[in-house]
Amino acid sequence: MRKTLMIAAAALAMAAAPAASLAHHGWSSYDATETVRVTAALTDVTWGNPHGTAKVAHQGKTWDVILAPVSRMEARGLTRDMLGPGKTVTLEGYARRDGTAELRLERITAAGKTVELR
């Protein structure tokens, strides 16, 4: 019985691994030829992995902002307190090629500090 449970658990883990990797996006969907620069107040921030996220109003849309992994942001001096909702920041990054209102950040200026995220 125990062997059957172990085989079933292993099979479930192997089946879930490809689904998890498909849920994450690749960077080729962003236009790295043109940097977008936005200075605005953040409306929402999620501090988590695989990377943080935020939202900001820009060009009449609410943009999803893709940050870096928490460990990288913290190692480079960016803290959760610097990115709270309502805090004005300057974002520099790349927009999605397909027109989706999403920005992959390269750098952020918050609380007077510029941090490279990639």
PDB file of N, CA and C in Angstrom:
ATOM      1  N   MET A   1       0.824  -1.196   0.000  1.00  0.00           N
ATOM      2  CA  MET A   1       0.000   0.000   0.000  1.00  0.00           C
ATOM      3  C   MET A   1       0.869   1.261   0.000  1.00  0.00           C
ATOM      4  N   ARG A   2       1.917   1.248   0.828  1.00  0.00           N
ATOM      5  CA  ARG A   2       2.788   2.409   0.924  1.00  0.00           C
ATOM      6  C   ARG A   2       3.483   2.659  -0.412  1.00  0.00           C
ATOM      7  N   LYS A   3       3.920   1.597  -1.081  1.00  0.00           N
ATOM      8  CA  LYS A   3       4.586   1.737  -2.374  1.00  0.00           C
ATOM      9  C   LYS A   3       3.624   2.333  -3.408  1.00  0.00           C
ATOM     10  N   THR A   4       2.386   1.904  -3.377  1.00  0.00           N
ATOM     11  CA  THR A   4       1.382   2.431  -4.301  1.00  0.00           C
ATOM     12  C   THR A   4       1.177   3.933  -4.068  1.00  0.00           C
ATOM     13  N   LEU A   5       1.120   4.344  -2.792  1.00  0.00           N
ATOM     14  CA  LEU A   5       0.959   5.777  -2.478  1.00  0.00           C
ATOM     15  C   LEU A   5       2.165   6.579  -2.948  1.00  0.00           C
ATOM     16  N   MET A   6       3.363   6.024  -2.784  1.00  0.00           N
ATOM     17  CA  MET A   6       4.576   6.727  -3.216  1.00  0.00           C
ATOM     18  C   MET A   6       4.598   6.881  -4.739  1.00  0.00           C
ATOM     19  N   ILE A   7       4.200   5.843  -5.451  1.00  0.00           N
ATOM     20  CA  ILE A   7       4.155   5.905  -6.920  1.00  0.00           C
ATOM     21  C   ILE A   7       3.113   6.932  -7.364  1.00  0.00           C
ATOM     22  N   ALA A   8       1.965   6.928  -6.698  1.00  0.00           N
ATOM     23  CA  ALA A   8       0.904   7.881  -7.049  1.00  0.00           C
ATOM     24  C   ALA A   8       1.367   9.316  -6.780  1.00  0.00           C
ATOM     25  N   ALA A   9       2.039   9.540  -5.663  1.00  0.00           N
ATOM     26  CA  ALA A   9       2.534  10.882  -5.332  1.00  0.00           C
ATOM     27  C   ALA A   9       3.577  11.337  -6.339  1.00  0.00           C
ATOM     28  N   ALA A  10       4.473  10.444  -6.733  1.00  0.00           N
ATOM     29  CA  ALA A  10       5.500  10.787  -7.722  1.00  0.00           C
ATOM     30  C   ALA A  10       4.865  11.112  -9.066  1.00  0.00           C
ATOM     31  N   ALA A  11       3.878  10.326  -9.464  1.00  0.00           N
ATOM     32  CA  ALA A  11       3.193  10.571 -10.740  1.00  0.00           C
ATOM     33  C   ALA A  11       2.474  11.920 -10.712  1.00  0.00           C
ATOM     34  N   LEU A  12       1.853  12.247  -9.597  1.00  0.00           N
ATOM     35  CA  LEU A  12       1.162  13.531  -9.459  1.00  0.00           C
ATOM     36  C   LEU A  12       2.153  14.694  -9.528  1.00  0.00           C
ATOM     37  N   ALA A  13       3.291  14.557  -8.876  1.00  0.00           N
ATOM     38  CA  ALA A  13       4.316  15.610  -8.899  1.00  0.00           C
ATOM     39  C   ALA A  13       4.850  15.813 -10.309  1.00  0.00           C
ATOM     40  N   MET A  14       5.078  14.727 -11.031  1.00  0.00           N
ATOM     41  CA  MET A  14       5.590  14.836 -12.401  1.00  0.00           C
ATOM     42  C   MET A  14       4.545  15.460 -13.318  1.00  0.00           C
ATOM     43  N   ALA A  15       3.291  15.185 -13.094  1.00  0.00           N
ATOM     44  CA  ALA A  15       2.230  15.767 -13.915  1.00  0.00           C
ATOM     45  C   ALA A  15       2.055  17.252 -13.621  1.00  0.00           C
ATOM     46  N   ALA A  16       2.267  17.652 -12.379  1.00  0.00           N
ATOM     47  CA  ALA A  16       2.077  19.053 -11.995  1.00  0.00           C
ATOM     48  C   ALA A  16       3.241  19.935 -12.430  1.00  0.00           C
ATOM     49  N   ALA A  17       4.436  19.405 -12.538  1.00  0.00           N
ATOM     50  CA  ALA A  17       5.614  20.212 -12.877  1.00  0.00           C
ATOM     51  C   ALA A  17       5.469  20.941 -14.207  1.00  0.00           C
ATOM     52  N   PRO A  18       5.058  20.290 -15.299  1.00  0.00           N
ATOM     53  CA  PRO A  18       4.899  21.036 -16.551  1.00  0.00           C
ATOM     54  C   PRO A  18       3.816  22.104 -16.464  1.00  0.00           C
ATOM     55  N   ALA A  19       2.754  21.848 -15.740  1.00  0.00           N
ATOM     56  CA  ALA A  19       1.682  22.837 -15.608  1.00  0.00           C
ATOM     57  C   ALA A  19       2.195  24.076 -14.888  1.00  0.00           C
ATOM     58  N   ALA A  20       3.018  23.888 -13.859  1.00  0.00           N
ATOM     59  CA  ALA A  20       3.571  25.029 -13.131  1.00  0.00           C
ATOM     60  C   ALA A  20       4.498  25.849 -14.018  1.00  0.00           C
ATOM     61  N   SER A  21       5.294  25.194 -14.838  1.00  0.00           N
ATOM     62  CA  SER A  21       6.200  25.944 -15.698  1.00  0.00           C
ATOM     63  C   SER A  21       5.448  26.682 -16.791  1.00  0.00           C
ATOM     64  N   LEU A  22       4.325  26.149 -17.248  1.00  0.00           N
ATOM     65  CA  LEU A  22       3.534  26.831 -18.264  1.00  0.00           C
ATOM     66  C   LEU A  22       2.814  28.042 -17.687  1.00  0.00           C
ATOM     67  N   ALA A  23       2.549  28.039 -16.399  1.00  0.00           N
ATOM     68  CA  ALA A  23       1.850  29.154 -15.781  1.00  0.00           C
ATOM     69  C   ALA A  23       2.723  30.398 -15.738  1.00  0.00           C
ATOM     70  N   HIS A  24       4.026  30.256 -15.726  1.00  0.00           N
ATOM     71  CA  HIS A  24       4.933  31.392 -15.686  1.00  0.00           C
ATOM     72  C   HIS A  24       5.238  31.848 -17.104  1.00  0.00           C
ATOM     73  N   HIS A  25       5.411  33.124 -17.275  1.00  0.00           N
ATOM     74  CA  HIS A  25       5.637  33.693 -18.595  1.00  0.00           C
ATOM     75  C   HIS A  25       7.124  33.804 -18.910  1.00  0.00           C
ATOM     76  N   GLY A  26       7.457  33.836 -20.175  1.00  0.00           N
ATOM     77  CA  GLY A  26       8.831  34.068 -20.605  1.00  0.00           C
ATOM     78  C   GLY A  26       9.023  35.533 -20.943  1.00  0.00           C
ATOM     79  N   TRP A  27      10.270  35.931 -21.076  1.00  0.00           N
ATOM     80  CA  TRP A  27      10.563  37.344 -21.335  1.00  0.00           C
ATOM     81  C   TRP A  27      10.484  37.701 -22.817  1.00  0.00           C
ATOM     82  N   SER A  28      10.395  36.751 -23.711  1.00  0.00           N
ATOM     83  CA  SER A  28      10.362  37.060 -25.142  1.00  0.00           C
ATOM     84  C   SER A  28       9.070  37.755 -25.563  1.00  0.00           C
ATOM     85  N   SER A  29       8.073  37.767 -24.719  1.00  0.00           N
ATOM     86  CA  SER A  29       6.811  38.419 -25.061  1.00  0.00           C
ATOM     87  C   SER A  29       6.849  39.931 -24.825  1.00  0.00           C
ATOM     88  N   TYR A  30       7.996  40.451 -24.390  1.00  0.00           N
ATOM     89  CA  TYR A  30       8.139  41.879 -24.130  1.00  0.00           C
ATOM     90  C   TYR A  30       9.007  42.527 -25.206  1.00  0.00           C
ATOM     91  N   ASP A  31       8.696  43.774 -25.546  1.00  0.00           N
ATOM     92  CA  ASP A  31       9.441  44.521 -26.558  1.00  0.00           C
ATOM     93  C   ASP A  31      10.638  45.203 -25.907  1.00  0.00           C
ATOM     94  N   ALA A  32      11.796  44.550 -25.984  1.00  0.00           N
ATOM     95  CA  ALA A  32      13.005  45.065 -25.340  1.00  0.00           C
ATOM     96  C   ALA A  32      13.713  46.131 -26.177  1.00  0.00           C
ATOM     97  N   THR A  33      13.101  46.568 -27.273  1.00  0.00           N
ATOM     98  CA  THR A  33      13.726  47.598 -28.100  1.00  0.00           C
ATOM     99  C   THR A  33      13.315  49.003 -27.677  1.00  0.00           C
ATOM    100  N   GLU A  34      12.274  49.114 -26.867  1.00  0.00           N
ATOM    101  CA  GLU A  34      11.786  50.430 -26.462  1.00  0.00           C
ATOM    102  C   GLU A  34      11.466  50.431 -24.971  1.00  0.00           C
ATOM    103  N   THR A  35      12.173  51.282 -24.226  1.00  0.00           N
ATOM    104  CA  THR A  35      11.945  51.387 -22.796  1.00  0.00           C
ATOM    105  C   THR A  35      10.760  52.304 -22.523  1.00  0.00           C
ATOM    106  N   VAL A  36       9.876  51.847 -21.662  1.00  0.00           N
ATOM    107  CA  VAL A  36       8.731  52.646 -21.211  1.00  0.00           C
ATOM    108  C   VAL A  36       9.093  53.203 -19.841  1.00  0.00           C
ATOM    109  N   ARG A  37       8.863  54.506 -19.661  1.00  0.00           N
ATOM    110  CA  ARG A  37       9.149  55.153 -18.372  1.00  0.00           C
ATOM    111  C   ARG A  37       7.858  55.772 -17.850  1.00  0.00           C
ATOM    112  N   VAL A  38       7.486  55.399 -16.636  1.00  0.00           N
ATOM    113  CA  VAL A  38       6.238  55.859 -16.027  1.00  0.00           C
ATOM    114  C   VAL A  38       6.545  56.348 -14.620  1.00  0.00           C
ATOM    115  N   THR A  39       6.063  57.544 -14.291  1.00  0.00           N
ATOM    116  CA  THR A  39       6.112  58.022 -12.912  1.00  0.00           C
ATOM    117  C   THR A  39       4.671  58.160 -12.450  1.00  0.00           C
ATOM    118  N   ALA A  40       4.306  57.375 -11.447  1.00  0.00           N
ATOM    119  CA  ALA A  40       2.916  57.360 -10.969  1.00  0.00           C
ATOM    120  C   ALA A  40       2.861  56.693  -9.604  1.00  0.00           C
ATOM    121  N   ALA A  41       1.707  56.823  -8.977  1.00  0.00           N
ATOM    122  CA  ALA A  41       1.479  56.151  -7.696  1.00  0.00           C
ATOM    123  C   ALA A  41       1.048  54.712  -7.951  1.00  0.00           C
ATOM    124  N   LEU A  42       1.597  53.796  -7.188  1.00  0.00           N
ATOM    125  CA  LEU A  42       1.196  52.398  -7.269  1.00  0.00           C
ATOM    126  C   LEU A  42      -0.201  52.244  -6.680  1.00  0.00           C
ATOM    127  N   THR A  43      -1.007  51.384  -7.279  1.00  0.00           N
ATOM    128  CA  THR A  43      -2.347  51.151  -6.747  1.00  0.00           C
ATOM    129  C   THR A  43      -2.458  49.822  -6.012  1.00  0.00           C
ATOM    130  N   ASP A  44      -1.510  48.928  -6.238  1.00  0.00           N
ATOM    131  CA  ASP A  44      -1.552  47.616  -5.595  1.00  0.00           C
ATOM    132  C   ASP A  44      -0.149  47.023  -5.663  1.00  0.00           C
ATOM    133  N   VAL A  45       0.258  46.312  -4.640  1.00  0.00           N
ATOM    134  CA  VAL A  45       1.579  45.671  -4.629  1.00  0.00           C
ATOM    135  C   VAL A  45       1.451  44.287  -4.002  1.00  0.00           C
ATOM    136  N   THR A  46       2.068  43.290  -4.650  1.00  0.00           N
ATOM    137  CA  THR A  46       2.168  41.947  -4.089  1.00  0.00           C
ATOM    138  C   THR A  46       3.646  41.638  -3.919  1.00  0.00           C
ATOM    139  N   TRP A  47       4.050  41.355  -2.709  1.00  0.00           N
ATOM    140  CA  TRP A  47       5.445  41.074  -2.378  1.00  0.00           C
ATOM    141  C   TRP A  47       5.563  39.569  -2.211  1.00  0.00           C
ATOM    142  N   GLY A  48       5.946  38.868  -3.286  1.00  0.00           N
ATOM    143  CA  GLY A  48       6.011  37.418  -3.214  1.00  0.00           C
ATOM    144  C   GLY A  48       6.800  36.833  -4.369  1.00  0.00           C
ATOM    145  N   ASN A  49       6.895  35.519  -4.389  1.00  0.00           N
ATOM    146  CA  ASN A  49       7.647  34.809  -5.418  1.00  0.00           C
ATOM    147  C   ASN A  49       6.699  34.047  -6.325  1.00  0.00           C
ATOM    148  N   PRO A  50       7.026  33.810  -7.582  1.00  0.00           N
ATOM    149  CA  PRO A  50       8.377  33.865  -8.138  1.00  0.00           C
ATOM    150  C   PRO A  50       8.894  35.285  -8.351  1.00  0.00           C
ATOM    151  N   HIS A  51       8.018  36.296  -8.319  1.00  0.00           N
ATOM    152  CA  HIS A  51       8.443  37.688  -8.382  1.00  0.00           C
ATOM    153  C   HIS A  51       7.307  38.544  -7.847  1.00  0.00           C
ATOM    154  N   GLY A  52       7.655  39.740  -7.419  1.00  0.00           N
ATOM    155  CA  GLY A  52       6.636  40.662  -6.956  1.00  0.00           C
ATOM    156  C   GLY A  52       5.856  41.233  -8.133  1.00  0.00           C
ATOM    157  N   THR A  53       4.699  41.784  -7.830  1.00  0.00           N
ATOM    158  CA  THR A  53       3.890  42.446  -8.856  1.00  0.00           C
ATOM    159  C   THR A  53       3.324  43.731  -8.268  1.00  0.00           C
ATOM    160  N   ALA A  54       2.902  44.618  -9.155  1.00  0.00           N
ATOM    161  CA  ALA A  54       2.253  45.854  -8.742  1.00  0.00           C
ATOM    162  C   ALA A  54       1.292  46.266  -9.844  1.00  0.00           C
ATOM    163  N   LYS A  55       0.514  47.287  -9.571  1.00  0.00           N
ATOM    164  CA  LYS A  55      -0.380  47.873 -10.564  1.00  0.00           C
ATOM    165  C   LYS A  55      -0.190  49.380 -10.532  1.00  0.00           C
ATOM    166  N   VAL A  56      -0.327  49.989 -11.717  1.00  0.00           N
ATOM    167  CA  VAL A  56      -0.185  51.437 -11.832  1.00  0.00           C
ATOM    168  C   VAL A  56      -1.082  51.924 -12.964  1.00  0.00           C
ATOM    169  N   ALA A  57      -1.644  53.116 -12.802  1.00  0.00           N
ATOM    170  CA  ALA A  57      -2.457  53.713 -13.862  1.00  0.00           C
ATOM    171  C   ALA A  57      -1.524  54.454 -14.818  1.00  0.00           C
ATOM    172  N   HIS A  58      -1.656  54.151 -16.139  1.00  0.00           N
ATOM    173  CA  HIS A  58      -0.815  54.775 -17.164  1.00  0.00           C
ATOM    174  C   HIS A  58      -1.556  54.722 -18.496  1.00  0.00           C
ATOM    175  N   GLN A  59      -1.596  55.836 -19.199  1.00  0.00           N
ATOM    176  CA  GLN A  59      -2.250  55.923 -20.513  1.00  0.00           C
ATOM    177  C   GLN A  59      -3.702  55.457 -20.471  1.00  0.00           C
ATOM    178  N   GLY A  60      -4.402  55.800 -19.402  1.00  0.00           N
ATOM    179  CA  GLY A  60      -5.814  55.460 -19.293  1.00  0.00           C
ATOM    180  C   GLY A  60      -6.114  54.003 -19.000  1.00  0.00           C
ATOM    181  N   LYS A  61      -5.079  53.216 -18.660  1.00  0.00           N
ATOM    182  CA  LYS A  61      -5.255  51.794 -18.351  1.00  0.00           C
ATOM    183  C   LYS A  61      -4.611  51.482 -17.011  1.00  0.00           C
ATOM    184  N   THR A  62      -5.031  50.380 -16.423  1.00  0.00           N
ATOM    185  CA  THR A  62      -4.333  49.854 -15.251  1.00  0.00           C
ATOM    186  C   THR A  62      -3.327  48.837 -15.752  1.00  0.00           C
ATOM    187  N   TRP A  63      -2.047  49.116 -15.526  1.00  0.00           N
ATOM    188  CA  TRP A  63      -0.959  48.255 -15.991  1.00  0.00           C
ATOM    189  C   TRP A  63      -0.529  47.306 -14.893  1.00  0.00           C
ATOM    190  N   ASP A  64      -0.307  46.044 -15.259  1.00  0.00           N
ATOM    191  CA  ASP A  64       0.326  45.084 -14.366  1.00  0.00           C
ATOM    192  C   ASP A  64       1.828  45.293 -14.482  1.00  0.00           C
ATOM    193  N   VAL A  65       2.505  45.352 -13.354  1.00  0.00           N
ATOM    194  CA  VAL A  65       3.947  45.590 -13.320  1.00  0.00           C
ATOM    195  C   VAL A  65       4.618  44.343 -12.758  1.00  0.00           C
ATOM    196  N   ILE A  66       5.548  43.784 -13.529  1.00  0.00           N
ATOM    197  CA  ILE A  66       6.273  42.584 -13.105  1.00  0.00           C
ATOM    198  C   ILE A  66       7.593  43.020 -12.484  1.00  0.00           C
ATOM    199  N   LEU A  67       7.732  42.759 -11.205  1.00  0.00           N
ATOM    200  CA  LEU A  67       8.944  43.114 -10.468  1.00  0.00           C
ATOM    201  C   LEU A  67       9.934  41.950 -10.518  1.00  0.00           C
ATOM    202  N   ALA A  68      10.943  41.986  -9.683  1.00  0.00           N
ATOM    203  CA  ALA A  68      11.934  40.912  -9.575  1.00  0.00           C
ATOM    204  C   ALA A  68      11.556  39.992  -8.412  1.00  0.00           C
ATOM    205  N   PRO A  69      12.277  38.876  -8.263  1.00  0.00           N
ATOM    206  CA  PRO A  69      12.072  38.044  -7.072  1.00  0.00           C
ATOM    207  C   PRO A  69      12.374  38.849  -5.801  1.00  0.00           C
ATOM    208  N   VAL A  70      11.673  38.545  -4.730  1.00  0.00           N
ATOM    209  CA  VAL A  70      11.831  39.262  -3.466  1.00  0.00           C
ATOM    210  C   VAL A  70      13.282  39.266  -3.001  1.00  0.00           C
ATOM    211  N   SER A  71      13.964  38.142  -3.086  1.00  0.00           N
ATOM    212  CA  SER A  71      15.349  38.073  -2.605  1.00  0.00           C
ATOM    213  C   SER A  71      16.247  39.047  -3.372  1.00  0.00           C
ATOM    214  N   ARG A  72      16.032  39.187  -4.668  1.00  0.00           N
ATOM    215  CA  ARG A  72      16.842  40.121  -5.465  1.00  0.00           C
ATOM    216  C   ARG A  72      16.519  41.566  -5.097  1.00  0.00           C
ATOM    217  N   MET A  73      15.224  41.866  -4.962  1.00  0.00           N
ATOM    218  CA  MET A  73      14.854  43.239  -4.606  1.00  0.00           C
ATOM    219  C   MET A  73      15.448  43.626  -3.254  1.00  0.00           C
ATOM    220  N   GLU A  74      15.334  42.752  -2.285  1.00  0.00           N
ATOM    221  CA  GLU A  74      15.859  43.040  -0.955  1.00  0.00           C
ATOM    222  C   GLU A  74      17.377  43.135  -0.958  1.00  0.00           C
ATOM    223  N   ALA A  75      18.056  42.262  -1.707  1.00  0.00           N
ATOM    224  CA  ALA A  75      19.518  42.297  -1.772  1.00  0.00           C
ATOM    225  C   ALA A  75      20.018  43.601  -2.382  1.00  0.00           C
ATOM    226  N   ARG A  76      19.205  44.203  -3.243  1.00  0.00           N
ATOM    227  CA  ARG A  76      19.606  45.452  -3.902  1.00  0.00           C
ATOM    228  C   ARG A  76      19.072  46.691  -3.202  1.00  0.00           C
ATOM    229  N   GLY A  77      18.429  46.493  -2.043  1.00  0.00           N
ATOM    230  CA  GLY A  77      18.011  47.615  -1.218  1.00  0.00           C
ATOM    231  C   GLY A  77      16.580  48.079  -1.380  1.00  0.00           C
ATOM    232  N   LEU A  78      15.772  47.356  -2.124  1.00  0.00           N
ATOM    233  CA  LEU A  78      14.371  47.709  -2.289  1.00  0.00           C
ATOM    234  C   LEU A  78      13.565  46.957  -1.238  1.00  0.00           C
ATOM    235  N   THR A  79      12.764  47.681  -0.464  1.00  0.00           N
ATOM    236  CA  THR A  79      11.990  47.042   0.596  1.00  0.00           C
ATOM    237  C   THR A  79      10.498  47.130   0.301  1.00  0.00           C
ATOM    238  N   ARG A  80       9.756  46.302   0.970  1.00  0.00           N
ATOM    239  CA  ARG A  80       8.296  46.296   0.828  1.00  0.00           C
ATOM    240  C   ARG A  80       7.718  47.665   1.175  1.00  0.00           C
ATOM    241  N   ASP A  81       8.259  48.322   2.200  1.00  0.00           N
ATOM    242  CA  ASP A  81       7.757  49.632   2.620  1.00  0.00           C
ATOM    243  C   ASP A  81       7.925  50.698   1.544  1.00  0.00           C
ATOM    244  N   MET A  82       8.918  50.554   0.686  1.00  0.00           N
ATOM    245  CA  MET A  82       9.160  51.532  -0.383  1.00  0.00           C
ATOM    246  C   MET A  82       8.132  51.420  -1.501  1.00  0.00           C
ATOM    247  N   LEU A  83       7.405  50.299  -1.569  1.00  0.00           N
ATOM    248  CA  LEU A  83       6.486  50.036  -2.672  1.00  0.00           C
ATOM    249  C   LEU A  83       5.030  49.925  -2.263  1.00  0.00           C
ATOM    250  N   GLY A  84       4.649  50.552  -1.202  1.00  0.00           N
ATOM    251  CA  GLY A  84       3.264  50.448  -0.768  1.00  0.00           C
ATOM    252  C   GLY A  84       2.288  51.137  -1.711  1.00  0.00           C
ATOM    253  N   PRO A  85       1.030  50.710  -1.702  1.00  0.00           N
ATOM    254  CA  PRO A  85       0.006  51.376  -2.506  1.00  0.00           C
ATOM    255  C   PRO A  85      -0.055  52.862  -2.175  1.00  0.00           C
ATOM    256  N   GLY A  86      -0.173  53.685  -3.210  1.00  0.00           N
ATOM    257  CA  GLY A  86      -0.221  55.127  -3.043  1.00  0.00           C
ATOM    258  C   GLY A  86       1.134  55.802  -3.099  1.00  0.00           C
ATOM    259  N   LYS A  87       2.205  55.023  -3.070  1.00  0.00           N
ATOM    260  CA  LYS A  87       3.550  55.612  -3.139  1.00  0.00           C
ATOM    261  C   LYS A  87       3.914  55.864  -4.598  1.00  0.00           C
ATOM    262  N   THR A  88       4.434  57.064  -4.859  1.00  0.00           N
ATOM    263  CA  THR A  88       4.827  57.422  -6.211  1.00  0.00           C
ATOM    264  C   THR A  88       6.217  56.875  -6.504  1.00  0.00           C
ATOM    265  N   VAL A  89       6.338  56.212  -7.647  1.00  0.00           N
ATOM    266  CA  VAL A  89       7.599  55.609  -8.075  1.00  0.00           C
ATOM    267  C   VAL A  89       7.819  55.934  -9.554  1.00  0.00           C
ATOM    268  N   THR A  90       9.049  55.757 -10.006  1.00  0.00           N
ATOM    269  CA  THR A  90       9.342  55.828 -11.431  1.00  0.00           C
ATOM    270  C   THR A  90       9.721  54.424 -11.871  1.00  0.00           C
ATOM    271  N   LEU A  91       9.009  53.938 -12.877  1.00  0.00           N
ATOM    272  CA  LEU A  91       9.201  52.587 -13.401  1.00  0.00           C
ATOM    273  C   LEU A  91       9.841  52.685 -14.780  1.00  0.00           C
ATOM    274  N   GLU A  92      10.827  51.846 -15.045  1.00  0.00           N
ATOM    275  CA  GLU A  92      11.433  51.763 -16.368  1.00  0.00           C
ATOM    276  C   GLU A  92      11.494  50.300 -16.763  1.00  0.00           C
ATOM    277  N   GLY A  93      10.898  49.993 -17.906  1.00  0.00           N
ATOM    278  CA  GLY A  93      10.881  48.607 -18.330  1.00  0.00           C
ATOM    279  C   GLY A  93      10.328  48.452 -19.724  1.00  0.00           C
ATOM    280  N   TYR A  94       9.885  47.239 -20.023  1.00  0.00           N
ATOM    281  CA  TYR A  94       9.436  46.883 -21.359  1.00  0.00           C
ATOM    282  C   TYR A  94       7.979  46.452 -21.333  1.00  0.00           C
ATOM    283  N   ALA A  95       7.224  46.952 -22.319  1.00  0.00           N
ATOM    284  CA  ALA A  95       5.812  46.584 -22.450  1.00  0.00           C
ATOM    285  C   ALA A  95       5.689  45.291 -23.246  1.00  0.00           C
ATOM    286  N   ARG A  96       4.564  44.621 -23.064  1.00  0.00           N
ATOM    287  CA  ARG A  96       4.299  43.403 -23.836  1.00  0.00           C
ATOM    288  C   ARG A  96       4.104  43.746 -25.303  1.00  0.00           C
ATOM    289  N   ARG A  97       4.558  42.858 -26.156  1.00  0.00           N
ATOM    290  CA  ARG A  97       4.437  43.048 -27.608  1.00  0.00           C
ATOM    291  C   ARG A  97       2.987  42.994 -28.086  1.00  0.00           C
ATOM    292  N   ASP A  98       2.151  42.218 -27.396  1.00  0.00           N
ATOM    293  CA  ASP A  98       0.780  42.009 -27.867  1.00  0.00           C
ATOM    294  C   ASP A  98      -0.191  43.120 -27.445  1.00  0.00           C
ATOM    295  N   GLY A  99       0.318  44.164 -26.798  1.00  0.00           N
ATOM    296  CA  GLY A  99      -0.533  45.282 -26.412  1.00  0.00           C
ATOM    297  C   GLY A  99      -1.172  45.145 -25.050  1.00  0.00           C
ATOM    298  N   THR A 100      -1.001  44.007 -24.389  1.00  0.00           N
ATOM    299  CA  THR A 100      -1.506  43.838 -23.032  1.00  0.00           C
ATOM    300  C   THR A 100      -0.847  44.884 -22.139  1.00  0.00           C
ATOM    301  N   ALA A 101      -1.604  45.492 -21.261  1.00  0.00           N
ATOM    302  CA  ALA A 101      -1.082  46.529 -20.364  1.00  0.00           C
ATOM    303  C   ALA A 101      -0.263  45.884 -19.251  1.00  0.00           C
ATOM    304  N   GLU A 102       0.951  45.473 -19.606  1.00  0.00           N
ATOM    305  CA  GLU A 102       1.846  44.820 -18.658  1.00  0.00           C
ATOM    306  C   GLU A 102       3.257  45.309 -18.916  1.00  0.00           C
ATOM    307  N   LEU A 103       3.973  45.599 -17.848  1.00  0.00           N
ATOM    308  CA  LEU A 103       5.318  46.153 -17.929  1.00  0.00           C
ATOM    309  C   LEU A 103       6.284  45.286 -17.142  1.00  0.00           C
ATOM    310  N   ARG A 104       7.342  44.816 -17.798  1.00  0.00           N
ATOM    311  CA  ARG A 104       8.409  44.056 -17.137  1.00  0.00           C
ATOM    312  C   ARG A 104       9.486  45.050 -16.741  1.00  0.00           C
ATOM    313  N   LEU A 105       9.671  45.245 -15.456  1.00  0.00           N
ATOM    314  CA  LEU A 105      10.597  46.277 -14.989  1.00  0.00           C
ATOM    315  C   LEU A 105      12.053  45.900 -15.114  1.00  0.00           C
ATOM    316  N   GLU A 106      12.840  46.881 -15.497  1.00  0.00           N
ATOM    317  CA  GLU A 106      14.293  46.776 -15.487  1.00  0.00           C
ATOM    318  C   GLU A 106      14.851  47.517 -14.278  1.00  0.00           C
ATOM    319  N   ARG A 107      14.229  48.662 -13.964  1.00  0.00           N
ATOM    320  CA  ARG A 107      14.670  49.436 -12.804  1.00  0.00           C
ATOM    321  C   ARG A 107      13.486  50.201 -12.236  1.00  0.00           C
ATOM    322  N   ILE A 108      13.627  50.557 -10.976  1.00  0.00           N
ATOM    323  CA  ILE A 108      12.585  51.304 -10.279  1.00  0.00           C
ATOM    324  C   ILE A 108      13.247  52.347  -9.392  1.00  0.00           C
ATOM    325  N   THR A 109      12.648  53.517  -9.330  1.00  0.00           N
ATOM    326  CA  THR A 109      13.093  54.541  -8.398  1.00  0.00           C
ATOM    327  C   THR A 109      11.974  54.733  -7.389  1.00  0.00           C
ATOM    328  N   ALA A 110      12.297  54.461  -6.139  1.00  0.00           N
ATOM    329  CA  ALA A 110      11.324  54.557  -5.047  1.00  0.00           C
ATOM    330  C   ALA A 110      12.022  55.151  -3.834  1.00  0.00           C
ATOM    331  N   ALA A 111      11.347  56.047  -3.167  1.00  0.00           N
ATOM    332  CA  ALA A 111      11.900  56.688  -1.965  1.00  0.00           C
ATOM    333  C   ALA A 111      13.280  57.284  -2.248  1.00  0.00           C
ATOM    334  N   GLY A 112      13.443  57.848  -3.445  1.00  0.00           N
ATOM    335  CA  GLY A 112      14.699  58.502  -3.807  1.00  0.00           C
ATOM    336  C   GLY A 112      15.844  57.570  -4.167  1.00  0.00           C
ATOM    337  N   LYS A 113      15.575  56.283  -4.285  1.00  0.00           N
ATOM    338  CA  LYS A 113      16.618  55.304  -4.575  1.00  0.00           C
ATOM    339  C   LYS A 113      16.287  54.564  -5.866  1.00  0.00           C
ATOM    340  N   THR A 114      17.263  54.493  -6.789  1.00  0.00           N
ATOM    341  CA  THR A 114      17.079  53.739  -8.030  1.00  0.00           C
ATOM    342  C   THR A 114      17.688  52.356  -7.863  1.00  0.00           C
ATOM    343  N   VAL A 115      16.894  51.334  -8.190  1.00  0.00           N
ATOM    344  CA  VAL A 115      17.323  49.946  -8.031  1.00  0.00           C
ATOM    345  C   VAL A 115      17.189  49.216  -9.359  1.00  0.00           C
ATOM    346  N   GLU A 116      18.278  48.579  -9.775  1.00  0.00           N
ATOM    347  CA  GLU A 116      18.277  47.730 -10.983  1.00  0.00           C
ATOM    348  C   GLU A 116      17.675  46.387 -10.596  1.00  0.00           C
ATOM    349  N   LEU A 117      16.668  45.952 -11.342  1.00  0.00           N
ATOM    350  CA  LEU A 117      15.986  44.709 -11.006  1.00  0.00           C
ATOM    351  C   LEU A 117      16.448  43.503 -11.807  1.00  0.00           C
ATOM    352  N   ARG A 118      17.076  43.708 -12.953  1.00  0.00           N
ATOM    353  CA  ARG A 118      17.504  42.570 -13.783  1.00  0.00           C
ATOM    354  C   ARG A 118      18.992  42.439 -13.795  1.00  0.00           C
TER     355      ARG A 118
END
